Full PDB file with SEQRES, HELIX, SHEET, SSBOND, CRYST1, ORIGX, SCALE, CONECT and MASTER records, all heavy atoms in Angstrom:
SEQRES   1 A   34  ARG LEU TRP LEU ARG GLU ILE GLU ASP ARG ASP ASP ALA          
SEQRES   2 A   34  ASP ALA LEU PHE ASP LEU MET GLU GLU ILE LEU GLN THR          
SEQRES   3 A   34  ILE ARG LEU GLU ARG SER SER THR                              
HELIX    1 AA1 LEU A    2  ASP A    9  1                                   8    
HELIX    2 AA2 ALA A   13  LEU A   16  5                                   4    
HELIX    3 AA3 PHE A   17  SER A   33  1                                  17    
CRYST1    1.000    1.000    1.000  90.00  90.00  90.00 P 1           1          
ORIGX1      1.000000  0.000000  0.000000        0.00000                         
ORIGX2      0.000000  1.000000  0.000000        0.00000                         
ORIGX3      0.000000  0.000000  1.000000        0.00000                         
SCALE1      1.000000  0.000000  0.000000        0.00000                         
SCALE2      0.000000  1.000000  0.000000        0.00000                         
SCALE3      0.000000  0.000000  1.000000        0.00000                         
ATOM      1  N   ARG A   1      59.640  -2.271   8.247  1.00  0.00           N  
ATOM      2  CA  ARG A   1      58.542  -2.718   9.119  1.00  0.00           C  
ATOM      3  C   ARG A   1      58.085  -1.588  10.043  1.00  0.00           C  
ATOM      4  O   ARG A   1      56.889  -1.432  10.311  1.00  0.00           O  
ATOM      5  CB  ARG A   1      58.988  -3.929   9.926  1.00  0.00           C  
ATOM      6  CG  ARG A   1      59.080  -5.220   9.119  1.00  0.00           C  
ATOM      7  CD  ARG A   1      59.732  -6.309   9.930  1.00  0.00           C  
ATOM      8  NE  ARG A   1      59.722  -7.596   9.219  1.00  0.00           N  
ATOM      9  CZ  ARG A   1      60.606  -8.569   9.420  1.00  0.00           C  
ATOM     10  NH1 ARG A   1      61.582  -8.401  10.312  1.00  0.00           N  
ATOM     11  NH2 ARG A   1      60.521  -9.699   8.751  1.00  0.00           N  
ATOM     12  N   LEU A   2      59.042  -0.816  10.543  1.00  0.00           N  
ATOM     13  CA  LEU A   2      58.685   0.334  11.374  1.00  0.00           C  
ATOM     14  C   LEU A   2      57.841   1.319  10.584  1.00  0.00           C  
ATOM     15  O   LEU A   2      56.827   1.825  11.081  1.00  0.00           O  
ATOM     16  CB  LEU A   2      59.953   1.019  11.893  1.00  0.00           C  
ATOM     17  CG  LEU A   2      59.723   2.322  12.673  1.00  0.00           C  
ATOM     18  CD1 LEU A   2      59.018   2.041  13.986  1.00  0.00           C  
ATOM     19  CD2 LEU A   2      61.044   3.048  12.908  1.00  0.00           C  
ATOM     20  N   TRP A   3      58.224   1.605   9.342  1.00  0.00           N  
ATOM     21  CA  TRP A   3      57.429   2.500   8.508  1.00  0.00           C  
ATOM     22  C   TRP A   3      55.997   1.995   8.384  1.00  0.00           C  
ATOM     23  O   TRP A   3      55.042   2.764   8.527  1.00  0.00           O  
ATOM     24  CB  TRP A   3      58.049   2.615   7.119  1.00  0.00           C  
ATOM     25  CG  TRP A   3      59.394   3.271   7.068  1.00  0.00           C  
ATOM     26  CD1 TRP A   3      59.982   4.022   8.055  1.00  0.00           C  
ATOM     27  CD2 TRP A   3      60.322   3.239   5.986  1.00  0.00           C  
ATOM     28  NE1 TRP A   3      61.214   4.451   7.649  1.00  0.00           N  
ATOM     29  CE2 TRP A   3      61.459   3.991   6.376  1.00  0.00           C  
ATOM     30  CE3 TRP A   3      60.313   2.648   4.730  1.00  0.00           C  
ATOM     31  CZ2 TRP A   3      62.561   4.166   5.549  1.00  0.00           C  
ATOM     32  CZ3 TRP A   3      61.407   2.821   3.889  1.00  0.00           C  
ATOM     33  CH2 TRP A   3      62.527   3.565   4.292  1.00  0.00           C  
ATOM     34  N   LEU A   4      55.849   0.703   8.123  1.00  0.00           N  
ATOM     35  CA  LEU A   4      54.508   0.135   7.966  1.00  0.00           C  
ATOM     36  C   LEU A   4      53.669   0.326   9.224  1.00  0.00           C  
ATOM     37  O   LEU A   4      52.508   0.741   9.158  1.00  0.00           O  
ATOM     38  CB  LEU A   4      54.605  -1.354   7.631  1.00  0.00           C  
ATOM     39  CG  LEU A   4      54.909  -1.728   6.185  1.00  0.00           C  
ATOM     40  CD1 LEU A   4      55.135  -3.226   6.076  1.00  0.00           C  
ATOM     41  CD2 LEU A   4      53.765  -1.303   5.260  1.00  0.00           C  
ATOM     42  N   ARG A   5      54.249   0.002  10.373  1.00  0.00           N  
ATOM     43  CA  ARG A   5      53.489   0.100  11.629  1.00  0.00           C  
ATOM     44  C   ARG A   5      53.030   1.528  11.885  1.00  0.00           C  
ATOM     45  O   ARG A   5      51.878   1.772  12.266  1.00  0.00           O  
ATOM     46  CB  ARG A   5      54.335  -0.398  12.805  1.00  0.00           C  
ATOM     47  CG  ARG A   5      54.594  -1.879  12.806  1.00  0.00           C  
ATOM     48  CD  ARG A   5      55.141  -2.343  14.142  1.00  0.00           C  
ATOM     49  NE  ARG A   5      56.429  -1.725  14.479  1.00  0.00           N  
ATOM     50  CZ  ARG A   5      57.604  -2.151  14.061  1.00  0.00           C  
ATOM     51  NH1 ARG A   5      57.668  -3.172  13.221  1.00  0.00           N  
ATOM     52  NH2 ARG A   5      58.724  -1.559  14.436  1.00  0.00           N  
ATOM     53  N   GLU A   6      53.932   2.464  11.687  1.00  0.00           N  
ATOM     54  CA  GLU A   6      53.610   3.852  11.999  1.00  0.00           C  
ATOM     55  C   GLU A   6      52.636   4.457  10.987  1.00  0.00           C  
ATOM     56  O   GLU A   6      51.730   5.212  11.351  1.00  0.00           O  
ATOM     57  CB  GLU A   6      54.895   4.682  12.065  1.00  0.00           C  
ATOM     58  CG  GLU A   6      55.774   4.342  13.255  1.00  0.00           C  
ATOM     59  CD  GLU A   6      55.097   4.630  14.585  1.00  0.00           C  
ATOM     60  OE1 GLU A   6      54.295   5.587  14.657  1.00  0.00           O  
ATOM     61  OE2 GLU A   6      55.372   3.887  15.554  1.00  0.00           O  
ATOM     62  N   ILE A   7      52.804   4.128   9.716  1.00  0.00           N  
ATOM     63  CA  ILE A   7      51.889   4.659   8.697  1.00  0.00           C  
ATOM     64  C   ILE A   7      50.481   4.113   8.911  1.00  0.00           C  
ATOM     65  O   ILE A   7      49.487   4.835   8.792  1.00  0.00           O  
ATOM     66  CB  ILE A   7      52.408   4.328   7.288  1.00  0.00           C  
ATOM     67  CG1 ILE A   7      53.705   5.086   7.011  1.00  0.00           C  
ATOM     68  CG2 ILE A   7      51.357   4.659   6.228  1.00  0.00           C  
ATOM     69  CD1 ILE A   7      54.413   4.659   5.737  1.00  0.00           C  
ATOM     70  N   GLU A   8      50.388   2.830   9.251  1.00  0.00           N  
ATOM     71  CA  GLU A   8      49.080   2.213   9.465  1.00  0.00           C  
ATOM     72  C   GLU A   8      48.337   2.856  10.627  1.00  0.00           C  
ATOM     73  O   GLU A   8      47.108   2.876  10.668  1.00  0.00           O  
ATOM     74  CB  GLU A   8      49.253   0.716   9.708  1.00  0.00           C  
ATOM     75  CG  GLU A   8      47.945  -0.051   9.750  1.00  0.00           C  
ATOM     76  CD  GLU A   8      48.166  -1.545   9.882  1.00  0.00           C  
ATOM     77  OE1 GLU A   8      49.254  -1.952  10.342  1.00  0.00           O  
ATOM     78  OE2 GLU A   8      47.252  -2.303   9.530  1.00  0.00           O  
ATOM     79  N   ASP A   9      49.063   3.422  11.600  1.00  0.00           N  
ATOM     80  CA  ASP A   9      48.428   4.024  12.778  1.00  0.00           C  
ATOM     81  C   ASP A   9      48.061   5.494  12.567  1.00  0.00           C  
ATOM     82  O   ASP A   9      47.389   6.089  13.398  1.00  0.00           O  
ATOM     83  CB  ASP A   9      49.360   3.896  13.986  1.00  0.00           C  
ATOM     84  CG  ASP A   9      48.668   4.250  15.291  1.00  0.00           C  
ATOM     85  OD1 ASP A   9      47.650   3.597  15.611  1.00  0.00           O  
ATOM     86  OD2 ASP A   9      49.128   5.182  15.981  1.00  0.00           O  
ATOM     87  N   ARG A  10      48.472   6.073  11.461  1.00  0.00           N  
ATOM     88  CA  ARG A  10      48.163   7.480  11.211  1.00  0.00           C  
ATOM     89  C   ARG A  10      46.675   7.672  10.910  1.00  0.00           C  
ATOM     90  O   ARG A  10      46.013   6.784  10.370  1.00  0.00           O  
ATOM     91  CB  ARG A  10      48.994   8.000  10.027  1.00  0.00           C  
ATOM     92  CG  ARG A  10      50.469   8.216  10.349  1.00  0.00           C  
ATOM     93  CD  ARG A  10      51.248   8.596   9.119  1.00  0.00           C  
ATOM     94  NE  ARG A  10      50.717   9.763   8.410  1.00  0.00           N  
ATOM     95  CZ  ARG A  10      51.411  10.879   8.158  1.00  0.00           C  
ATOM     96  NH1 ARG A  10      52.661  10.989   8.567  1.00  0.00           N  
ATOM     97  NH2 ARG A  10      50.867  11.874   7.483  1.00  0.00           N  
ATOM     98  N   ASP A  11      46.176   8.861  11.210  1.00  0.00           N  
ATOM     99  CA  ASP A  11      44.779   9.173  10.907  1.00  0.00           C  
ATOM    100  C   ASP A  11      44.504   9.148   9.408  1.00  0.00           C  
ATOM    101  O   ASP A  11      43.382   8.862   8.986  1.00  0.00           O  
ATOM    102  CB  ASP A  11      44.416  10.549  11.474  1.00  0.00           C  
ATOM    103  CG  ASP A  11      44.380  10.562  12.994  1.00  0.00           C  
ATOM    104  OD1 ASP A  11      44.230   9.470  13.594  1.00  0.00           O  
ATOM    105  OD2 ASP A  11      44.521  11.650  13.584  1.00  0.00           O  
ATOM    106  N   ASP A  12      45.538   9.463   8.615  1.00  0.00           N  
ATOM    107  CA  ASP A  12      45.369   9.497   7.156  1.00  0.00           C  
ATOM    108  C   ASP A  12      45.922   8.236   6.500  1.00  0.00           C  
ATOM    109  O   ASP A  12      46.366   8.269   5.350  1.00  0.00           O  
ATOM    110  CB  ASP A  12      46.037  10.736   6.559  1.00  0.00           C  
ATOM    111  CG  ASP A  12      47.524  10.836   6.905  1.00  0.00           C  
ATOM    112  OD1 ASP A  12      48.031   9.958   7.641  1.00  0.00           O  
ATOM    113  OD2 ASP A  12      48.178  11.806   6.447  1.00  0.00           O  
ATOM    114  N   ALA A  13      45.871   7.121   7.221  1.00  0.00           N  
ATOM    115  CA  ALA A  13      46.432   5.868   6.692  1.00  0.00           C  
ATOM    116  C   ALA A  13      45.795   5.473   5.366  1.00  0.00           C  
ATOM    117  O   ALA A  13      46.482   4.943   4.479  1.00  0.00           O  
ATOM    118  CB  ALA A  13      46.267   4.747   7.718  1.00  0.00           C  
ATOM    119  N   ASP A  14      44.502   5.725   5.206  1.00  0.00           N  
ATOM    120  CA  ASP A  14      43.833   5.356   3.947  1.00  0.00           C  
ATOM    121  C   ASP A  14      44.468   6.064   2.756  1.00  0.00           C  
ATOM    122  O   ASP A  14      44.585   5.484   1.667  1.00  0.00           O  
ATOM    123  CB  ASP A  14      42.346   5.689   4.019  1.00  0.00           C  
ATOM    124  CG  ASP A  14      41.580   4.766   4.952  1.00  0.00           C  
ATOM    125  OD1 ASP A  14      42.144   3.720   5.322  1.00  0.00           O  
ATOM    126  OD2 ASP A  14      40.448   5.103   5.333  1.00  0.00           O  
ATOM    127  N   ALA A  15      44.891   7.296   2.967  1.00  0.00           N  
ATOM    128  CA  ALA A  15      45.491   8.059   1.879  1.00  0.00           C  
ATOM    129  C   ALA A  15      46.899   7.578   1.562  1.00  0.00           C  
ATOM    130  O   ALA A  15      47.446   7.922   0.503  1.00  0.00           O  
ATOM    131  CB  ALA A  15      45.526   9.546   2.249  1.00  0.00           C  
ATOM    132  N   LEU A  16      47.468   6.780   2.441  1.00  0.00           N  
ATOM    133  CA  LEU A  16      48.823   6.270   2.246  1.00  0.00           C  
ATOM    134  C   LEU A  16      48.832   4.772   1.949  1.00  0.00           C  
ATOM    135  O   LEU A  16      49.869   4.127   2.055  1.00  0.00           O  
ATOM    136  CB  LEU A  16      49.666   6.562   3.490  1.00  0.00           C  
ATOM    137  CG  LEU A  16      50.015   8.039   3.706  1.00  0.00           C  
ATOM    138  CD1 LEU A  16      50.510   8.273   5.134  1.00  0.00           C  
ATOM    139  CD2 LEU A  16      51.052   8.506   2.691  1.00  0.00           C  
ATOM    140  N   PHE A  17      47.679   4.247   1.563  1.00  0.00           N  
ATOM    141  CA  PHE A  17      47.576   2.814   1.284  1.00  0.00           C  
ATOM    142  C   PHE A  17      48.556   2.388   0.192  1.00  0.00           C  
ATOM    143  O   PHE A  17      49.184   1.328   0.280  1.00  0.00           O  
ATOM    144  CB  PHE A  17      46.142   2.471   0.871  1.00  0.00           C  
ATOM    145  CG  PHE A  17      45.958   1.021   0.506  1.00  0.00           C  
ATOM    146  CD1 PHE A  17      45.815   0.055   1.496  1.00  0.00           C  
ATOM    147  CD2 PHE A  17      45.928   0.625  -0.827  1.00  0.00           C  
ATOM    148  CE1 PHE A  17      45.657  -1.284   1.158  1.00  0.00           C  
ATOM    149  CE2 PHE A  17      45.769  -0.710  -1.173  1.00  0.00           C  
ATOM    150  CZ  PHE A  17      45.632  -1.669  -0.171  1.00  0.00           C  
ATOM    151  N   ASP A  18      48.692   3.216  -0.837  1.00  0.00           N  
ATOM    152  CA  ASP A  18      49.595   2.866  -1.935  1.00  0.00           C  
ATOM    153  C   ASP A  18      51.046   2.788  -1.460  1.00  0.00           C  
ATOM    154  O   ASP A  18      51.819   1.931  -1.915  1.00  0.00           O  
ATOM    155  CB  ASP A  18      49.452   3.863  -3.086  1.00  0.00           C  
ATOM    156  CG  ASP A  18      49.755   5.297  -2.655  1.00  0.00           C  
ATOM    157  OD1 ASP A  18      49.569   5.613  -1.458  1.00  0.00           O  
ATOM    158  OD2 ASP A  18      50.169   6.100  -3.509  1.00  0.00           O  
ATOM    159  N   LEU A  19      51.422   3.665  -0.534  1.00  0.00           N  
ATOM    160  CA  LEU A  19      52.780   3.627  -0.006  1.00  0.00           C  
ATOM    161  C   LEU A  19      53.011   2.363   0.816  1.00  0.00           C  
ATOM    162  O   LEU A  19      54.067   1.718   0.698  1.00  0.00           O  
ATOM    163  CB  LEU A  19      53.042   4.870   0.846  1.00  0.00           C  
ATOM    164  CG  LEU A  19      54.414   4.943   1.522  1.00  0.00           C  
ATOM    165  CD1 LEU A  19      55.531   4.924   0.489  1.00  0.00           C  
ATOM    166  CD2 LEU A  19      54.521   6.194   2.397  1.00  0.00           C  
ATOM    167  N   MET A  20      52.019   1.983   1.614  1.00  0.00           N  
ATOM    168  CA  MET A  20      52.152   0.748   2.395  1.00  0.00           C  
ATOM    169  C   MET A  20      52.292  -0.455   1.478  1.00  0.00           C  
ATOM    170  O   MET A  20      53.084  -1.363   1.739  1.00  0.00           O  
ATOM    171  CB  MET A  20      50.956   0.590   3.341  1.00  0.00           C  
ATOM    172  CG  MET A  20      50.976   1.560   4.511  1.00  0.00           C  
ATOM    173  SD  MET A  20      49.714   1.197   5.774  1.00  0.00           S  
ATOM    174  CE  MET A  20      48.253   1.844   4.972  1.00  0.00           C  
ATOM    175  N   GLU A  21      51.541  -0.471   0.391  1.00  0.00           N  
ATOM    176  CA  GLU A  21      51.654  -1.569  -0.565  1.00  0.00           C  
ATOM    177  C   GLU A  21      53.027  -1.603  -1.223  1.00  0.00           C  
ATOM    178  O   GLU A  21      53.586  -2.673  -1.464  1.00  0.00           O  
ATOM    179  CB  GLU A  21      50.561  -1.450  -1.631  1.00  0.00           C  
ATOM    180  CG  GLU A  21      49.220  -1.989  -1.189  1.00  0.00           C  
ATOM    181  CD  GLU A  21      49.285  -3.480  -0.884  1.00  0.00           C  
ATOM    182  OE1 GLU A  21      49.715  -4.254  -1.754  1.00  0.00           O  
ATOM    183  OE2 GLU A  21      48.917  -3.865   0.244  1.00  0.00           O  
ATOM    184  N   GLU A  22      53.576  -0.427  -1.484  1.00  0.00           N  
ATOM    185  CA  GLU A  22      54.905  -0.373  -2.093  1.00  0.00           C  
ATOM    186  C   GLU A  22      55.961  -0.927  -1.136  1.00  0.00           C  
ATOM    187  O   GLU A  22      56.862  -1.674  -1.543  1.00  0.00           O  
ATOM    188  CB  GLU A  22      55.232   1.077  -2.467  1.00  0.00           C  
ATOM    189  CG  GLU A  22      56.523   1.216  -3.255  1.00  0.00           C  
ATOM    190  CD  GLU A  22      56.759   2.629  -3.745  1.00  0.00           C  
ATOM    191  OE1 GLU A  22      55.853   3.469  -3.614  1.00  0.00           O  
ATOM    192  OE2 GLU A  22      57.868   2.895  -4.255  1.00  0.00           O  
ATOM    193  N   ILE A  23      55.829  -0.586   0.141  1.00  0.00           N  
ATOM    194  CA  ILE A  23      56.774  -1.115   1.141  1.00  0.00           C  
ATOM    195  C   ILE A  23      56.617  -2.627   1.257  1.00  0.00           C  
ATOM    196  O   ILE A  23      57.605  -3.375   1.279  1.00  0.00           O  
ATOM    197  CB  ILE A  23      56.543  -0.435   2.506  1.00  0.00           C  
ATOM    198  CG1 ILE A  23      56.792   1.070   2.419  1.00  0.00           C  
ATOM    199  CG2 ILE A  23      57.457  -1.061   3.569  1.00  0.00           C  
ATOM    200  CD1 ILE A  23      56.351   1.838   3.650  1.00  0.00           C  
ATOM    201  N   LEU A  24      55.370  -3.077   1.305  1.00  0.00           N  
ATOM    202  CA  LEU A  24      55.122  -4.519   1.400  1.00  0.00           C  
ATOM    203  C   LEU A  24      55.693  -5.272   0.209  1.00  0.00           C  
ATOM    204  O   LEU A  24      56.213  -6.382   0.352  1.00  0.00           O  
ATOM    205  CB  LEU A  24      53.612  -4.778   1.502  1.00  0.00           C  
ATOM    206  CG  LEU A  24      52.996  -4.729   2.896  1.00  0.00           C  
ATOM    207  CD1 LEU A  24      51.471  -4.813   2.794  1.00  0.00           C  
ATOM    208  CD2 LEU A  24      53.521  -5.868   3.760  1.00  0.00           C  
ATOM    209  N   GLN A  25      55.589  -4.674  -0.953  1.00  0.00           N  
ATOM    210  CA  GLN A  25      56.101  -5.337  -2.151  1.00  0.00           C  
ATOM    211  C   GLN A  25      57.612  -5.558  -2.054  1.00  0.00           C  
ATOM    212  O   GLN A  25      58.126  -6.604  -2.466  1.00  0.00           O  
ATOM    213  CB  GLN A  25      55.753  -4.517  -3.397  1.00  0.00           C  
ATOM    214  CG  GLN A  25      56.189  -5.141  -4.705  1.00  0.00           C  
ATOM    215  CD  GLN A  25      55.539  -6.495  -4.974  1.00  0.00           C  
ATOM    216  OE1 GLN A  25      54.504  -6.829  -4.408  1.00  0.00           O  
ATOM    217  NE2 GLN A  25      56.145  -7.290  -5.844  1.00  0.00           N  
ATOM    218  N   THR A  26      58.324  -4.589  -1.503  1.00  0.00           N  
ATOM    219  CA  THR A  26      59.775  -4.781  -1.358  1.00  0.00           C  
ATOM    220  C   THR A  26      60.075  -5.923  -0.392  1.00  0.00           C  
ATOM    221  O   THR A  26      61.047  -6.656  -0.579  1.00  0.00           O  
ATOM    222  CB  THR A  26      60.457  -3.498  -0.846  1.00  0.00           C  
ATOM    223  OG1 THR A  26      60.076  -3.229   0.507  1.00  0.00           O  
ATOM    224  CG2 THR A  26      60.113  -2.308  -1.734  1.00  0.00           C  
ATOM    225  N   ILE A  27      59.233  -6.079   0.618  1.00  0.00           N  
ATOM    226  CA  ILE A  27      59.434  -7.164   1.580  1.00  0.00           C  
ATOM    227  C   ILE A  27      59.096  -8.505   0.939  1.00  0.00           C  
ATOM    228  O   ILE A  27      59.786  -9.505   1.161  1.00  0.00           O  
ATOM    229  CB  ILE A  27      58.592  -6.909   2.851  1.00  0.00           C  
ATOM    230  CG1 ILE A  27      59.071  -5.636   3.556  1.00  0.00           C  
ATOM    231  CG2 ILE A  27      58.655  -8.103   3.799  1.00  0.00           C  
ATOM    232  CD1 ILE A  27      58.222  -5.219   4.749  1.00  0.00           C  
ATOM    233  N   ARG A  28      58.045  -8.523   0.118  1.00  0.00           N  
ATOM    234  CA  ARG A  28      57.681  -9.765  -0.583  1.00  0.00           C  
ATOM    235  C   ARG A  28      58.808 -10.213  -1.509  1.00  0.00           C  
ATOM    236  O   ARG A  28      59.160 -11.388  -1.567  1.00  0.00           O  
ATOM    237  CB  ARG A  28      56.408  -9.553  -1.401  1.00  0.00           C  
ATOM    238  CG  ARG A  28      55.143  -9.345  -0.589  1.00  0.00           C  
ATOM    239  CD  ARG A  28      53.920  -9.326  -1.488  1.00  0.00           C  
ATOM    240  NE  ARG A  28      52.747  -8.885  -0.766  1.00  0.00           N  
ATOM    241  CZ  ARG A  28      52.191  -7.675  -0.916  1.00  0.00           C  
ATOM    242  NH1 ARG A  28      52.698  -6.813  -1.779  1.00  0.00           N  
ATOM    243  NH2 ARG A  28      51.133  -7.339  -0.209  1.00  0.00           N  
ATOM    244  N   LEU A  29      59.361  -9.267  -2.244  1.00  0.00           N  
ATOM    245  CA  LEU A  29      60.441  -9.600  -3.169  1.00  0.00           C  
ATOM    246  C   LEU A  29      61.659 -10.118  -2.415  1.00  0.00           C  
ATOM    247  O   LEU A  29      62.326 -11.054  -2.859  1.00  0.00           O  
ATOM    248  CB  LEU A  29      60.810  -8.369  -3.999  1.00  0.00           C  
ATOM    249  CG  LEU A  29      59.771  -7.913  -5.024  1.00  0.00           C  
ATOM    250  CD1 LEU A  29      60.176  -6.579  -5.646  1.00  0.00           C  
ATOM    251  CD2 LEU A  29      59.583  -8.973  -6.103  1.00  0.00           C  
ATOM    252  N   GLU A  30      61.933  -9.512  -1.284  1.00  0.00           N  
ATOM    253  CA  GLU A  30      63.069  -9.958  -0.489  1.00  0.00           C  
ATOM    254  C   GLU A  30      62.847 -11.365   0.034  1.00  0.00           C  
ATOM    255  O   GLU A  30      63.755 -12.200   0.045  1.00  0.00           O  
ATOM    256  CB  GLU A  30      63.287  -8.981   0.668  1.00  0.00           C  
ATOM    257  CG  GLU A  30      64.562  -9.230   1.450  1.00  0.00           C  
ATOM    258  CD  GLU A  30      64.924  -8.042   2.322  1.00  0.00           C  
ATOM    259  OE1 GLU A  30      64.713  -6.891   1.883  1.00  0.00           O  
ATOM    260  OE2 GLU A  30      65.417  -8.269   3.431  1.00  0.00           O  
ATOM    261  N   ARG A  31      61.609 -11.636   0.422  1.00  0.00           N  
ATOM    262  CA  ARG A  31      61.280 -12.966   0.944  1.00  0.00           C  
ATOM    263  C   ARG A  31      61.386 -14.016  -0.155  1.00  0.00           C  
ATOM    264  O   ARG A  31      61.916 -15.114   0.048  1.00  0.00           O  
ATOM    265  CB  ARG A  31      59.863 -12.943   1.514  1.00  0.00           C  
ATOM    266  CG  ARG A  31      59.327 -14.268   2.016  1.00  0.00           C  
ATOM    267  CD  ARG A  31      58.017 -14.020   2.767  1.00  0.00           C  
ATOM    268  NE  ARG A  31      57.384 -15.257   3.153  1.00  0.00           N  
ATOM    269  CZ  ARG A  31      56.327 -15.780   2.550  1.00  0.00           C  
ATOM    270  NH1 ARG A  31      55.797 -15.178   1.509  1.00  0.00           N  
ATOM    271  NH2 ARG A  31      55.799 -16.901   2.970  1.00  0.00           N  
ATOM    272  N   SER A  32      60.916 -13.687  -1.357  1.00  0.00           N  
ATOM    273  CA  SER A  32      60.926 -14.669  -2.440  1.00  0.00           C  
ATOM    274  C   SER A  32      62.335 -14.924  -2.979  1.00  0.00           C  
ATOM    275  O   SER A  32      62.610 -15.973  -3.549  1.00  0.00           O  
ATOM    276  CB  SER A  32      60.021 -14.208  -3.577  1.00  0.00           C  
ATOM    277  OG  SER A  32      60.510 -12.998  -4.133  1.00  0.00           O  
ATOM    278  N   SER A  33      63.237 -13.942  -2.789  1.00  0.00           N  
ATOM    279  CA  SER A  33      64.594 -14.097  -3.310  1.00  0.00           C  
ATOM    280  C   SER A  33      65.555 -14.707  -2.298  1.00  0.00           C  
ATOM    281  O   SER A  33      66.698 -14.996  -2.636  1.00  0.00           O  
ATOM    282  CB  SER A  33      65.142 -12.741  -3.763  1.00  0.00           C  
ATOM    283  OG  SER A  33      65.243 -11.855  -2.651  1.00  0.00           O  
ATOM    284  N   THR A  34      65.084 -14.885  -1.065  1.00  0.00           N  
ATOM    285  CA  THR A  34      65.952 -15.478  -0.056  1.00  0.00           C  
ATOM    286  C   THR A  34      66.124 -16.959  -0.344  1.00  0.00           C  
ATOM    287  O   THR A  34      65.136 -17.697  -0.429  1.00  0.00           O  
ATOM    288  CB  THR A  34      65.347 -15.304   1.355  1.00  0.00           C  
ATOM    289  OG1 THR A  34      65.179 -13.912   1.606  1.00  0.00           O  
ATOM    290  CG2 THR A  34      66.260 -15.910   2.415  1.00  0.00           C  
TER     291      THR A  34                                                      
MASTER        0    0    0    3    0    0    0    6  290    1    0    3          
END                                                                             
């Protein structure tokens, strides 16, 4: 979650959209498997 917050605030956040999606996907999988 910290990674997501900090990456989203970067000036080049658009260029890191794929990385944010990858992090989110791991959180989604964790949520669905709980």
